[in-house]
């Protein structure tokens, strides 16, 4: 499977990985996942934005990147984060405000915020640390590998190519295909209704260790 890098990726991102992970006690098999490291940076994607559930409803978080000369021709692994503005503080406040009353936020917040506060230079490294955090906390075992060269869509070299399938502006049917068009508990659902396919943090903060059961339909 081939995925693009993503910031607090959507649930469908982890659902696709979980579908490749065997939970069988006799033969636990990690999902083999390739992360695209050679593509060029693209705006309006999950590469530096995510969706979450706040008291006012659906909201988006994003972070700025450094726009160097020719930055849009650089590999995604070379794109630098702009730490010159205090966006991380605003992000942490927004996440805390949205999820402080969820069942498991207090359990995970310190480790997550400590991870964010490391402030790596590169977007790719930042996203990868977040992806690894949520794989670990949701209980999904995955063998993550980085691509060494860019390949065009449809090449099939890395298996199923979901790089541009998982996109904030396009429906793709992944959750429906996996039988995951189903609700779980959300703090503000009584006010705004259930919102599907938010960032994986929404599932983890609300379902905690049961997240893997939801993702695997157990």
N, C-alpha and C. Protein backbone atom coordinates (compact mmCIF):
# COMPACT_ATOMS: atom_id res chain seq x y z
N UNK A 1 0.84 -1.19 0.00
CA UNK A 1 0.00 0.00 0.00
C UNK A 1 0.88 1.25 0.00
N UNK A 2 0.48 2.24 -0.76
CA UNK A 2 1.22 3.49 -0.87
C UNK A 2 0.34 4.65 -0.41
N UNK A 3 0.82 5.38 0.60
CA UNK A 3 0.07 6.51 1.15
C UNK A 3 0.91 7.78 1.07
N UNK A 4 0.24 8.91 1.00
CA UNK A 4 0.95 10.17 1.11
C UNK A 4 1.17 10.51 2.57
N UNK A 5 2.08 11.41 2.86
CA UNK A 5 2.23 11.85 4.23
C UNK A 5 1.01 12.67 4.63
N UNK A 6 0.71 12.70 5.92
CA UNK A 6 -0.48 13.43 6.37
C UNK A 6 -0.30 13.88 7.81
N UNK A 7 -0.94 15.00 8.13
CA UNK A 7 -0.88 15.64 9.44
C UNK A 7 -2.13 15.26 10.22
N UNK A 8 -2.00 14.60 11.37
CA UNK A 8 -3.16 14.09 12.09
C UNK A 8 -4.13 13.46 11.09
N UNK A 9 -3.69 12.39 10.42
CA UNK A 9 -4.44 11.85 9.28
C UNK A 9 -5.88 11.48 9.60
N UNK A 10 -6.73 11.44 8.57
CA UNK A 10 -8.13 11.08 8.78
C UNK A 10 -8.28 9.60 9.14
N UNK A 11 -9.40 9.25 9.67
CA UNK A 11 -9.67 7.88 10.09
C UNK A 11 -9.50 6.91 8.93
N UNK A 12 -9.92 7.30 7.73
CA UNK A 12 -9.82 6.38 6.59
C UNK A 12 -8.37 5.99 6.30
N UNK A 13 -7.44 6.86 6.59
CA UNK A 13 -6.01 6.60 6.42
C UNK A 13 -5.59 5.41 7.28
N UNK A 14 -6.00 5.45 8.55
CA UNK A 14 -5.66 4.37 9.48
C UNK A 14 -6.52 3.14 9.25
N UNK A 15 -7.75 3.34 8.79
CA UNK A 15 -8.61 2.19 8.48
C UNK A 15 -8.01 1.37 7.35
N UNK A 16 -7.45 2.05 6.34
CA UNK A 16 -6.82 1.35 5.22
C UNK A 16 -5.61 0.55 5.70
N UNK A 17 -4.84 1.13 6.62
CA UNK A 17 -3.69 0.40 7.17
C UNK A 17 -4.15 -0.77 8.02
N UNK A 18 -5.15 -0.52 8.87
CA UNK A 18 -5.66 -1.57 9.76
C UNK A 18 -6.20 -2.75 8.98
N UNK A 19 -6.75 -2.50 7.80
CA UNK A 19 -7.30 -3.57 6.97
C UNK A 19 -6.21 -4.54 6.52
N UNK A 20 -4.96 -4.06 6.47
CA UNK A 20 -3.84 -4.89 6.05
C UNK A 20 -3.12 -5.54 7.23
N UNK A 21 -3.59 -5.26 8.44
CA UNK A 21 -2.96 -5.77 9.66
C UNK A 21 -3.77 -6.94 10.20
N UNK A 22 -3.14 -8.09 10.32
CA UNK A 22 -3.81 -9.27 10.87
C UNK A 22 -3.65 -9.30 12.38
N UNK A 23 -4.79 -9.39 13.09
CA UNK A 23 -4.79 -9.42 14.54
C UNK A 23 -4.75 -10.84 15.10
N UNK A 24 -4.71 -11.81 14.23
CA UNK A 24 -4.78 -13.20 14.67
C UNK A 24 -3.67 -13.50 15.68
N UNK A 25 -4.01 -14.02 16.87
CA UNK A 25 -2.98 -14.33 17.88
C UNK A 25 -1.95 -15.34 17.37
N UNK A 26 -2.39 -16.23 16.48
CA UNK A 26 -1.49 -17.25 15.96
C UNK A 26 -0.51 -16.68 14.94
N UNK A 27 -0.93 -15.63 14.24
CA UNK A 27 -0.07 -15.09 13.17
C UNK A 27 -0.31 -13.60 12.99
N UNK A 28 0.20 -12.81 13.95
CA UNK A 28 0.06 -11.36 13.83
C UNK A 28 0.96 -10.88 12.69
N UNK A 29 0.36 -10.24 11.72
CA UNK A 29 1.13 -9.78 10.56
C UNK A 29 0.97 -8.27 10.41
N UNK A 30 2.05 -7.49 10.60
CA UNK A 30 1.96 -6.04 10.44
C UNK A 30 1.60 -5.67 9.01
N UNK A 31 0.91 -4.56 8.84
CA UNK A 31 0.64 -4.05 7.51
C UNK A 31 1.93 -3.50 6.92
N UNK A 32 2.16 -3.75 5.64
CA UNK A 32 3.32 -3.17 4.97
C UNK A 32 2.87 -1.91 4.24
N UNK A 33 3.42 -0.79 4.65
CA UNK A 33 2.96 0.50 4.15
C UNK A 33 4.14 1.33 3.66
N UNK A 34 4.00 1.85 2.46
CA UNK A 34 4.99 2.78 1.92
C UNK A 34 4.44 4.19 2.03
N UNK A 35 5.27 5.12 2.50
CA UNK A 35 4.90 6.52 2.57
C UNK A 35 5.65 7.27 1.48
N UNK A 36 4.90 8.01 0.67
CA UNK A 36 5.50 8.75 -0.44
C UNK A 36 6.39 9.88 0.10
N UNK A 37 7.68 9.78 -0.19
CA UNK A 37 8.65 10.77 0.30
C UNK A 37 9.26 11.60 -0.81
N UNK A 38 8.89 11.32 -2.06
CA UNK A 38 9.54 11.99 -3.19
C UNK A 38 8.61 12.89 -4.00
N UNK A 39 7.34 12.91 -3.68
CA UNK A 39 6.43 13.78 -4.40
C UNK A 39 6.72 15.24 -4.06
N UNK A 40 6.17 16.17 -4.84
CA UNK A 40 6.31 17.58 -4.52
C UNK A 40 5.16 18.01 -3.62
N UNK A 41 5.38 19.08 -2.88
CA UNK A 41 4.38 19.59 -1.94
C UNK A 41 3.15 20.10 -2.69
N UNK A 42 1.97 19.77 -2.14
CA UNK A 42 0.72 20.25 -2.75
C UNK A 42 -0.15 20.87 -1.68
N UNK A 43 -0.69 22.03 -1.99
CA UNK A 43 -1.56 22.74 -1.05
C UNK A 43 -2.95 22.09 -1.00
N UNK A 44 -3.72 22.48 0.01
CA UNK A 44 -5.10 22.03 0.16
C UNK A 44 -5.22 20.51 0.26
N UNK A 45 -4.27 19.88 0.91
CA UNK A 45 -4.30 18.42 1.09
C UNK A 45 -4.11 18.11 2.57
N UNK A 46 -4.10 16.83 2.90
CA UNK A 46 -3.88 16.42 4.29
C UNK A 46 -2.42 16.53 4.70
N UNK A 47 -1.55 16.97 3.81
CA UNK A 47 -0.13 17.02 4.13
C UNK A 47 0.18 17.98 5.27
N UNK A 48 -0.63 19.04 5.38
CA UNK A 48 -0.41 19.95 6.50
C UNK A 48 -1.73 20.49 7.07
N UNK A 49 -2.78 19.66 6.97
CA UNK A 49 -4.06 20.07 7.56
C UNK A 49 -4.85 18.84 7.99
N UNK A 50 -5.77 19.06 8.93
CA UNK A 50 -6.63 17.98 9.40
C UNK A 50 -7.98 18.54 9.82
N UNK A 51 -8.93 17.64 10.01
CA UNK A 51 -10.27 18.02 10.44
C UNK A 51 -10.55 17.45 11.82
N UNK A 52 -11.20 18.27 12.67
CA UNK A 52 -11.52 17.80 14.02
C UNK A 52 -12.89 18.35 14.43
N UNK A 53 -13.37 17.86 15.58
CA UNK A 53 -14.73 18.19 16.04
C UNK A 53 -14.63 19.11 17.25
N UNK A 54 -14.98 20.37 17.06
CA UNK A 54 -14.98 21.35 18.14
C UNK A 54 -16.41 21.60 18.62
N UNK A 55 -16.54 22.40 19.66
CA UNK A 55 -17.87 22.70 20.20
C UNK A 55 -18.76 23.37 19.15
N UNK A 56 -18.14 24.09 18.21
CA UNK A 56 -18.90 24.77 17.16
C UNK A 56 -19.14 23.90 15.93
N UNK A 57 -18.63 22.66 15.96
CA UNK A 57 -18.81 21.74 14.83
C UNK A 57 -17.50 21.40 14.15
N UNK A 58 -17.60 21.09 12.87
CA UNK A 58 -16.41 20.71 12.11
C UNK A 58 -15.45 21.87 11.97
N UNK A 59 -14.17 21.64 12.30
CA UNK A 59 -13.14 22.66 12.19
C UNK A 59 -11.89 22.07 11.54
N UNK A 60 -11.01 22.94 11.08
CA UNK A 60 -9.77 22.53 10.42
C UNK A 60 -8.57 23.13 11.13
N UNK A 61 -7.52 22.32 11.26
CA UNK A 61 -6.24 22.80 11.76
C UNK A 61 -5.22 22.67 10.63
N UNK A 62 -4.28 23.59 10.57
CA UNK A 62 -3.22 23.50 9.56
C UNK A 62 -1.97 24.17 10.11
N UNK A 63 -0.86 23.97 9.44
CA UNK A 63 0.37 24.67 9.83
C UNK A 63 1.06 25.20 8.58
N UNK A 64 1.80 26.29 8.71
CA UNK A 64 2.47 26.91 7.55
C UNK A 64 3.80 26.26 7.24
N UNK A 65 4.18 26.31 5.98
CA UNK A 65 5.49 25.81 5.57
C UNK A 65 6.31 26.98 5.03
N UNK A 66 7.61 26.79 5.00
CA UNK A 66 8.51 27.83 4.49
C UNK A 66 8.50 27.79 2.97
N UNK A 67 8.14 28.90 2.36
CA UNK A 67 8.08 28.96 0.89
C UNK A 67 9.41 29.48 0.36
N UNK A 68 10.31 28.57 0.17
CA UNK A 68 11.62 28.91 -0.37
C UNK A 68 11.53 28.98 -1.90
N UNK A 69 12.55 29.53 -2.53
CA UNK A 69 12.57 29.57 -3.98
C UNK A 69 12.49 28.17 -4.55
N UNK A 70 11.46 27.93 -5.36
CA UNK A 70 11.29 26.61 -5.94
C UNK A 70 10.81 25.55 -4.97
N UNK A 71 10.18 25.99 -3.85
CA UNK A 71 9.77 25.02 -2.83
C UNK A 71 8.79 24.00 -3.36
N UNK A 72 7.99 24.40 -4.34
CA UNK A 72 6.98 23.47 -4.87
C UNK A 72 7.59 22.47 -5.86
N UNK A 73 8.88 22.57 -6.07
CA UNK A 73 9.54 21.55 -6.89
C UNK A 73 10.43 20.66 -6.03
N UNK A 74 10.50 20.96 -4.73
CA UNK A 74 11.29 20.15 -3.80
C UNK A 74 10.53 18.89 -3.41
N UNK A 75 11.23 17.80 -3.11
CA UNK A 75 10.55 16.61 -2.58
C UNK A 75 9.86 16.95 -1.26
N UNK A 76 8.75 16.32 -0.99
CA UNK A 76 7.99 16.59 0.23
C UNK A 76 8.86 16.41 1.46
N UNK A 77 9.84 15.51 1.39
CA UNK A 77 10.71 15.24 2.54
C UNK A 77 11.65 16.40 2.85
N UNK A 78 11.74 17.38 1.93
CA UNK A 78 12.62 18.52 2.13
C UNK A 78 11.88 19.79 2.53
N UNK A 79 10.56 19.75 2.57
CA UNK A 79 9.78 20.93 2.91
C UNK A 79 9.90 21.23 4.40
N UNK A 80 10.24 22.49 4.72
CA UNK A 80 10.44 22.88 6.10
C UNK A 80 9.19 23.55 6.69
N UNK A 81 8.97 23.32 7.97
CA UNK A 81 7.86 23.93 8.69
C UNK A 81 8.23 25.35 9.09
N UNK A 82 7.27 26.26 9.03
CA UNK A 82 7.49 27.64 9.46
C UNK A 82 7.17 27.74 10.95
N UNK A 83 8.21 27.74 11.76
CA UNK A 83 8.03 27.86 13.21
C UNK A 83 8.13 29.31 13.68
N UNK A 84 8.18 30.25 12.76
CA UNK A 84 8.36 31.65 13.15
C UNK A 84 7.07 32.28 13.67
N UNK A 85 5.94 31.60 13.46
CA UNK A 85 4.66 32.08 13.98
C UNK A 85 4.17 31.09 15.03
N UNK A 86 3.40 31.55 16.03
CA UNK A 86 3.00 30.69 17.15
C UNK A 86 1.79 29.79 16.84
N UNK A 87 1.84 29.09 15.73
CA UNK A 87 0.69 28.27 15.35
C UNK A 87 0.55 27.04 16.25
N UNK A 88 1.66 26.52 16.77
CA UNK A 88 1.56 25.31 17.58
C UNK A 88 0.80 25.56 18.88
N UNK A 89 1.02 26.69 19.49
CA UNK A 89 0.28 27.02 20.71
C UNK A 89 -1.21 27.08 20.44
N UNK A 90 -1.58 27.71 19.31
CA UNK A 90 -3.00 27.80 18.96
C UNK A 90 -3.57 26.41 18.69
N UNK A 91 -2.77 25.58 18.05
CA UNK A 91 -3.21 24.22 17.74
C UNK A 91 -3.45 23.41 19.01
N UNK A 92 -2.52 23.48 19.95
CA UNK A 92 -2.67 22.74 21.20
C UNK A 92 -3.89 23.23 21.99
N UNK A 93 -4.11 24.53 21.99
CA UNK A 93 -5.28 25.07 22.68
C UNK A 93 -6.57 24.60 22.02
N UNK A 94 -6.59 24.58 20.69
CA UNK A 94 -7.78 24.14 19.97
C UNK A 94 -8.08 22.68 20.24
N UNK A 95 -7.05 21.83 20.23
CA UNK A 95 -7.24 20.40 20.49
C UNK A 95 -7.73 20.18 21.91
N UNK A 96 -7.11 20.88 22.88
CA UNK A 96 -7.51 20.73 24.28
C UNK A 96 -8.95 21.19 24.49
N UNK A 97 -9.31 22.31 23.89
CA UNK A 97 -10.67 22.82 24.03
C UNK A 97 -11.70 21.86 23.44
N UNK A 98 -11.36 21.25 22.32
CA UNK A 98 -12.29 20.34 21.64
C UNK A 98 -12.44 19.01 22.37
N UNK A 99 -11.35 18.51 22.96
CA UNK A 99 -11.37 17.13 23.46
C UNK A 99 -11.15 16.98 24.97
N UNK A 100 -11.10 18.08 25.71
CA UNK A 100 -10.83 17.98 27.14
C UNK A 100 -11.90 17.19 27.89
N UNK A 101 -13.11 17.14 27.35
CA UNK A 101 -14.17 16.38 28.02
C UNK A 101 -14.37 14.98 27.43
N UNK A 102 -13.53 14.60 26.48
CA UNK A 102 -13.62 13.25 25.93
C UNK A 102 -13.03 12.25 26.93
N UNK A 103 -13.38 11.00 26.77
CA UNK A 103 -13.04 10.00 27.77
C UNK A 103 -11.54 9.76 27.94
N UNK A 104 -10.76 9.88 26.85
CA UNK A 104 -9.36 9.46 26.90
C UNK A 104 -8.35 10.56 26.61
N UNK A 105 -8.80 11.80 26.45
CA UNK A 105 -7.86 12.87 26.12
C UNK A 105 -6.78 13.02 27.18
N UNK A 106 -7.17 13.03 28.45
CA UNK A 106 -6.19 13.20 29.52
C UNK A 106 -5.15 12.09 29.53
N UNK A 107 -5.53 10.92 29.07
CA UNK A 107 -4.64 9.78 29.07
C UNK A 107 -3.51 9.94 28.04
N UNK A 108 -3.82 10.59 26.91
CA UNK A 108 -2.86 10.69 25.81
C UNK A 108 -2.22 12.07 25.64
N UNK A 109 -2.82 13.11 26.22
CA UNK A 109 -2.44 14.49 25.86
C UNK A 109 -0.98 14.82 26.16
N UNK A 110 -0.47 14.41 27.31
CA UNK A 110 0.89 14.81 27.67
C UNK A 110 1.92 14.25 26.69
N UNK A 111 1.76 12.99 26.35
CA UNK A 111 2.70 12.37 25.42
C UNK A 111 2.58 12.98 24.02
N UNK A 112 1.35 13.24 23.60
CA UNK A 112 1.15 13.83 22.28
C UNK A 112 1.72 15.24 22.22
N UNK A 113 1.41 16.07 23.18
CA UNK A 113 1.89 17.45 23.16
C UNK A 113 3.41 17.51 23.30
N UNK A 114 3.99 16.60 24.07
CA UNK A 114 5.45 16.55 24.18
C UNK A 114 6.07 16.21 22.82
N UNK A 115 5.39 15.35 22.07
CA UNK A 115 5.84 15.00 20.73
C UNK A 115 5.80 16.21 19.81
N UNK A 116 4.71 16.96 19.85
CA UNK A 116 4.57 18.14 19.01
C UNK A 116 5.61 19.20 19.37
N UNK A 117 5.90 19.31 20.66
CA UNK A 117 6.83 20.34 21.13
C UNK A 117 8.28 20.08 20.73
N UNK A 118 8.57 18.94 20.16
CA UNK A 118 9.92 18.67 19.67
C UNK A 118 10.25 19.52 18.45
N UNK A 119 9.21 19.97 17.75
CA UNK A 119 9.34 20.92 16.65
C UNK A 119 10.43 20.56 15.63
N UNK A 120 10.30 19.43 14.97
CA UNK A 120 11.30 19.09 13.96
C UNK A 120 11.28 20.10 12.81
N UNK A 121 12.36 20.16 12.10
CA UNK A 121 12.49 21.14 11.02
C UNK A 121 11.61 20.80 9.82
N UNK A 122 11.52 19.52 9.48
CA UNK A 122 10.87 19.11 8.23
C UNK A 122 9.43 18.63 8.45
N UNK A 123 8.56 19.00 7.53
CA UNK A 123 7.17 18.57 7.52
C UNK A 123 7.06 17.05 7.55
N UNK A 124 7.84 16.38 6.74
CA UNK A 124 7.75 14.93 6.61
C UNK A 124 8.08 14.24 7.93
N UNK A 125 9.12 14.70 8.60
CA UNK A 125 9.51 14.11 9.88
C UNK A 125 8.44 14.35 10.95
N UNK A 126 7.87 15.55 10.95
CA UNK A 126 6.81 15.91 11.89
C UNK A 126 5.61 14.99 11.70
N UNK A 127 5.16 14.87 10.46
CA UNK A 127 4.01 14.02 10.18
C UNK A 127 4.28 12.56 10.52
N UNK A 128 5.47 12.09 10.20
CA UNK A 128 5.80 10.69 10.46
C UNK A 128 5.76 10.38 11.95
N UNK A 129 6.23 11.30 12.77
CA UNK A 129 6.19 11.08 14.22
C UNK A 129 4.76 11.02 14.71
N UNK A 130 3.88 11.82 14.13
CA UNK A 130 2.46 11.81 14.51
C UNK A 130 1.80 10.51 14.06
N UNK A 131 2.09 10.09 12.85
CA UNK A 131 1.53 8.83 12.33
C UNK A 131 1.96 7.66 13.21
N UNK A 132 3.23 7.61 13.56
CA UNK A 132 3.73 6.53 14.41
C UNK A 132 3.05 6.55 15.79
N UNK A 133 2.84 7.75 16.32
CA UNK A 133 2.17 7.88 17.62
C UNK A 133 0.78 7.25 17.58
N UNK A 134 0.01 7.59 16.55
CA UNK A 134 -1.36 7.09 16.49
C UNK A 134 -1.43 5.62 16.10
N UNK A 135 -0.49 5.13 15.33
CA UNK A 135 -0.43 3.69 15.08
C UNK A 135 -0.22 2.95 16.39
N UNK A 136 0.71 3.44 17.18
CA UNK A 136 1.01 2.80 18.46
C UNK A 136 -0.19 2.84 19.40
N UNK A 137 -0.82 3.99 19.54
CA UNK A 137 -1.91 4.15 20.50
C UNK A 137 -3.19 3.45 20.07
N UNK A 138 -3.41 3.31 18.78
CA UNK A 138 -4.59 2.59 18.32
C UNK A 138 -4.35 1.09 18.27
N UNK A 139 -3.10 0.67 18.38
CA UNK A 139 -2.79 -0.76 18.37
C UNK A 139 -2.62 -1.35 16.99
N UNK A 140 -2.41 -0.51 15.98
CA UNK A 140 -2.18 -1.00 14.62
C UNK A 140 -0.69 -1.22 14.43
N UNK A 141 -0.32 -2.41 14.03
CA UNK A 141 1.09 -2.70 13.76
C UNK A 141 1.35 -2.55 12.27
N UNK A 142 2.35 -1.75 11.94
CA UNK A 142 2.64 -1.48 10.53
C UNK A 142 4.14 -1.34 10.31
N UNK A 143 4.60 -1.88 9.22
CA UNK A 143 5.98 -1.75 8.78
C UNK A 143 6.01 -0.58 7.80
N UNK A 144 6.44 0.58 8.30
CA UNK A 144 6.46 1.79 7.47
C UNK A 144 7.78 1.91 6.74
N UNK A 145 7.68 2.15 5.43
CA UNK A 145 8.87 2.34 4.62
C UNK A 145 8.69 3.59 3.76
N UNK A 146 9.79 4.27 3.48
CA UNK A 146 9.73 5.50 2.70
C UNK A 146 10.16 5.23 1.25
N UNK A 147 9.46 5.81 0.32
CA UNK A 147 9.82 5.63 -1.09
C UNK A 147 11.14 6.35 -1.38
N UNK A 148 11.89 5.80 -2.31
CA UNK A 148 13.18 6.38 -2.71
C UNK A 148 13.10 7.11 -4.04
N UNK A 149 12.03 6.87 -4.78
CA UNK A 149 11.80 7.60 -6.03
C UNK A 149 10.31 7.71 -6.28
N UNK A 150 9.93 8.76 -6.98
CA UNK A 150 8.51 8.97 -7.26
C UNK A 150 8.07 8.06 -8.40
N UNK A 151 6.88 7.51 -8.26
CA UNK A 151 6.31 6.68 -9.33
C UNK A 151 4.95 7.23 -9.71
N UNK A 152 4.58 7.18 -10.97
CA UNK A 152 3.29 7.71 -11.41
C UNK A 152 2.14 6.85 -10.90
N UNK A 153 0.94 7.44 -10.79
CA UNK A 153 -0.23 6.67 -10.37
C UNK A 153 -0.44 5.47 -11.29
N UNK A 154 -0.84 4.36 -10.70
CA UNK A 154 -1.13 3.17 -11.50
C UNK A 154 0.05 2.28 -11.75
N UNK A 155 1.23 2.64 -11.24
CA UNK A 155 2.42 1.81 -11.49
C UNK A 155 2.31 0.46 -10.78
N UNK A 156 1.65 0.45 -9.63
CA UNK A 156 1.45 -0.80 -8.91
C UNK A 156 2.69 -1.31 -8.19
N UNK A 157 3.76 -0.55 -8.20
CA UNK A 157 5.01 -1.01 -7.59
C UNK A 157 4.86 -1.24 -6.09
N UNK A 158 4.07 -0.38 -5.45
CA UNK A 158 3.92 -0.47 -4.00
C UNK A 158 2.55 -1.02 -3.59
N UNK A 159 1.87 -1.65 -4.49
CA UNK A 159 0.53 -2.13 -4.19
C UNK A 159 -0.51 -1.03 -4.40
N UNK A 160 -1.57 -1.10 -3.65
CA UNK A 160 -2.67 -0.13 -3.81
C UNK A 160 -2.17 1.29 -3.55
N UNK A 161 -2.46 2.18 -4.48
CA UNK A 161 -1.97 3.56 -4.41
C UNK A 161 -3.10 4.47 -3.92
N UNK A 162 -2.95 4.97 -2.68
CA UNK A 162 -3.97 5.84 -2.09
C UNK A 162 -3.47 7.27 -1.90
N UNK A 163 -2.38 7.62 -2.57
CA UNK A 163 -1.78 8.94 -2.38
C UNK A 163 -2.76 10.07 -2.62
N UNK A 164 -3.47 10.02 -3.73
CA UNK A 164 -4.41 11.09 -4.05
C UNK A 164 -5.86 10.66 -3.86
N UNK A 165 -6.06 9.42 -3.51
CA UNK A 165 -7.42 8.94 -3.22
C UNK A 165 -7.90 9.54 -1.90
N UNK A 166 -7.00 9.54 -0.90
CA UNK A 166 -7.34 10.14 0.40
C UNK A 166 -7.03 11.63 0.33
N UNK A 167 -8.07 12.42 0.21
CA UNK A 167 -7.93 13.87 -0.03
C UNK A 167 -9.11 14.58 0.63
N UNK A 168 -8.88 15.72 1.30
CA UNK A 168 -9.96 16.40 2.02
C UNK A 168 -11.08 16.92 1.14
N UNK A 169 -10.86 17.03 -0.14
CA UNK A 169 -11.88 17.59 -1.02
C UNK A 169 -12.52 16.53 -1.94
N UNK A 170 -12.19 15.25 -1.69
CA UNK A 170 -12.74 14.20 -2.55
C UNK A 170 -13.26 13.03 -1.74
N UNK A 171 -14.45 12.55 -2.10
CA UNK A 171 -14.98 11.34 -1.48
C UNK A 171 -14.31 10.13 -2.14
N UNK A 172 -14.14 9.06 -1.38
CA UNK A 172 -13.46 7.90 -1.96
C UNK A 172 -14.10 6.56 -1.63
N UNK A 173 -14.99 6.50 -0.63
CA UNK A 173 -15.68 5.25 -0.34
C UNK A 173 -14.87 4.23 0.45
N UNK A 174 -13.69 4.62 0.98
CA UNK A 174 -12.86 3.67 1.70
C UNK A 174 -13.58 3.13 2.94
N UNK A 175 -14.17 4.02 3.74
CA UNK A 175 -14.85 3.57 4.95
C UNK A 175 -16.04 2.68 4.62
N UNK A 176 -16.77 3.04 3.59
CA UNK A 176 -17.90 2.20 3.17
C UNK A 176 -17.42 0.83 2.70
N UNK A 177 -16.35 0.82 1.93
CA UNK A 177 -15.77 -0.43 1.42
C UNK A 177 -15.35 -1.35 2.57
N UNK A 178 -14.86 -0.77 3.66
CA UNK A 178 -14.38 -1.55 4.80
C UNK A 178 -15.46 -1.81 5.84
N UNK A 179 -16.68 -1.39 5.55
CA UNK A 179 -17.78 -1.61 6.49
C UNK A 179 -17.70 -0.72 7.71
N UNK A 180 -17.11 0.46 7.56
CA UNK A 180 -16.91 1.36 8.69
C UNK A 180 -17.75 2.64 8.60
N UNK A 181 -18.81 2.58 7.85
CA UNK A 181 -19.74 3.71 7.81
C UNK A 181 -20.67 3.58 9.02
N UNK A 182 -20.08 3.73 10.19
CA UNK A 182 -20.83 3.54 11.44
C UNK A 182 -20.34 4.57 12.44
N UNK A 183 -21.22 4.98 13.35
CA UNK A 183 -20.81 5.98 14.34
C UNK A 183 -20.05 5.38 15.51
N UNK A 184 -19.37 6.23 16.23
CA UNK A 184 -18.81 5.92 17.54
C UNK A 184 -19.14 7.13 18.39
N UNK A 185 -18.84 7.09 19.67
CA UNK A 185 -19.20 8.20 20.54
C UNK A 185 -18.39 9.45 20.19
N UNK A 186 -19.08 10.59 20.08
CA UNK A 186 -18.43 11.89 19.90
C UNK A 186 -19.04 12.87 20.89
N UNK A 187 -18.20 13.68 21.51
CA UNK A 187 -18.63 14.57 22.59
C UNK A 187 -19.77 15.49 22.17
N UNK A 188 -19.67 16.05 20.97
CA UNK A 188 -20.66 17.05 20.55
C UNK A 188 -21.72 16.50 19.59
N UNK A 189 -21.85 15.19 19.52
CA UNK A 189 -22.80 14.59 18.58
C UNK A 189 -24.24 15.00 18.87
N UNK A 190 -24.58 15.16 20.13
CA UNK A 190 -25.96 15.56 20.47
C UNK A 190 -26.27 16.96 19.95
N UNK A 191 -25.24 17.76 19.81
CA UNK A 191 -25.42 19.14 19.36
C UNK A 191 -25.39 19.26 17.85
N UNK A 192 -24.45 18.57 17.20
CA UNK A 192 -24.25 18.73 15.76
C UNK A 192 -24.44 17.43 14.96
N UNK A 193 -24.64 16.31 15.65
CA UNK A 193 -24.74 15.03 14.96
C UNK A 193 -23.38 14.38 14.78
N UNK A 194 -23.37 13.13 14.36
CA UNK A 194 -22.11 12.42 14.14
C UNK A 194 -21.43 12.95 12.89
N UNK A 195 -20.12 13.17 12.96
CA UNK A 195 -19.33 13.60 11.81
C UNK A 195 -18.31 12.52 11.51
N UNK A 196 -18.36 11.98 10.32
CA UNK A 196 -17.48 10.86 9.94
C UNK A 196 -16.12 11.33 9.42
N UNK A 197 -15.16 10.45 9.53
CA UNK A 197 -13.84 10.61 8.90
C UNK A 197 -13.10 11.87 9.31
N UNK A 198 -13.14 12.16 10.60
CA UNK A 198 -12.32 13.24 11.14
C UNK A 198 -10.90 12.72 11.34
N UNK A 199 -10.04 13.53 11.92
CA UNK A 199 -8.70 13.07 12.26
C UNK A 199 -8.78 11.86 13.18
N UNK A 200 -7.79 11.00 13.08
CA UNK A 200 -7.73 9.81 13.93
C UNK A 200 -7.75 10.19 15.41
N UNK A 201 -7.35 11.41 15.76
CA UNK A 201 -7.37 11.79 17.17
C UNK A 201 -8.80 11.81 17.70
N UNK A 202 -9.78 12.08 16.85
CA UNK A 202 -11.17 12.09 17.30
C UNK A 202 -11.59 10.70 17.76
N UNK A 203 -11.22 9.68 17.00
CA UNK A 203 -11.53 8.30 17.38
C UNK A 203 -10.76 7.90 18.64
N UNK A 204 -9.47 8.19 18.69
CA UNK A 204 -8.66 7.77 19.82
C UNK A 204 -9.09 8.45 21.12
N UNK A 205 -9.32 9.76 21.08
CA UNK A 205 -9.68 10.47 22.30
C UNK A 205 -11.06 10.04 22.82
N UNK A 206 -11.92 9.59 21.94
CA UNK A 206 -13.26 9.16 22.35
C UNK A 206 -13.36 7.67 22.67
N UNK A 207 -12.59 6.85 21.97
CA UNK A 207 -12.69 5.40 22.14
C UNK A 207 -11.47 4.77 22.80
N UNK A 208 -10.36 5.48 22.84
CA UNK A 208 -9.17 4.97 23.52
C UNK A 208 -8.72 3.62 22.97
N UNK A 209 -8.40 2.68 23.86
CA UNK A 209 -7.90 1.37 23.41
C UNK A 209 -8.91 0.56 22.61
N UNK A 210 -10.17 0.97 22.63
CA UNK A 210 -11.17 0.28 21.81
C UNK A 210 -11.16 0.74 20.36
N UNK A 211 -10.29 1.70 20.04
CA UNK A 211 -10.22 2.20 18.66
C UNK A 211 -9.93 1.08 17.68
N UNK A 212 -9.03 0.17 18.04
CA UNK A 212 -8.68 -0.93 17.14
C UNK A 212 -9.87 -1.84 16.91
N UNK A 213 -10.72 -2.00 17.92
CA UNK A 213 -11.91 -2.84 17.77
C UNK A 213 -12.87 -2.20 16.76
N UNK A 214 -13.00 -0.89 16.81
CA UNK A 214 -13.86 -0.19 15.84
C UNK A 214 -13.27 -0.30 14.44
N UNK A 215 -11.96 -0.10 14.33
CA UNK A 215 -11.32 -0.14 13.02
C UNK A 215 -11.34 -1.53 12.39
N UNK A 216 -11.31 -2.56 13.23
CA UNK A 216 -11.30 -3.95 12.74
C UNK A 216 -12.69 -4.58 12.79
N UNK A 217 -13.71 -3.78 13.12
CA UNK A 217 -15.10 -4.27 13.16
C UNK A 217 -15.27 -5.44 14.14
N UNK A 218 -14.62 -5.34 15.30
CA UNK A 218 -14.69 -6.42 16.30
C UNK A 218 -15.61 -5.99 17.45
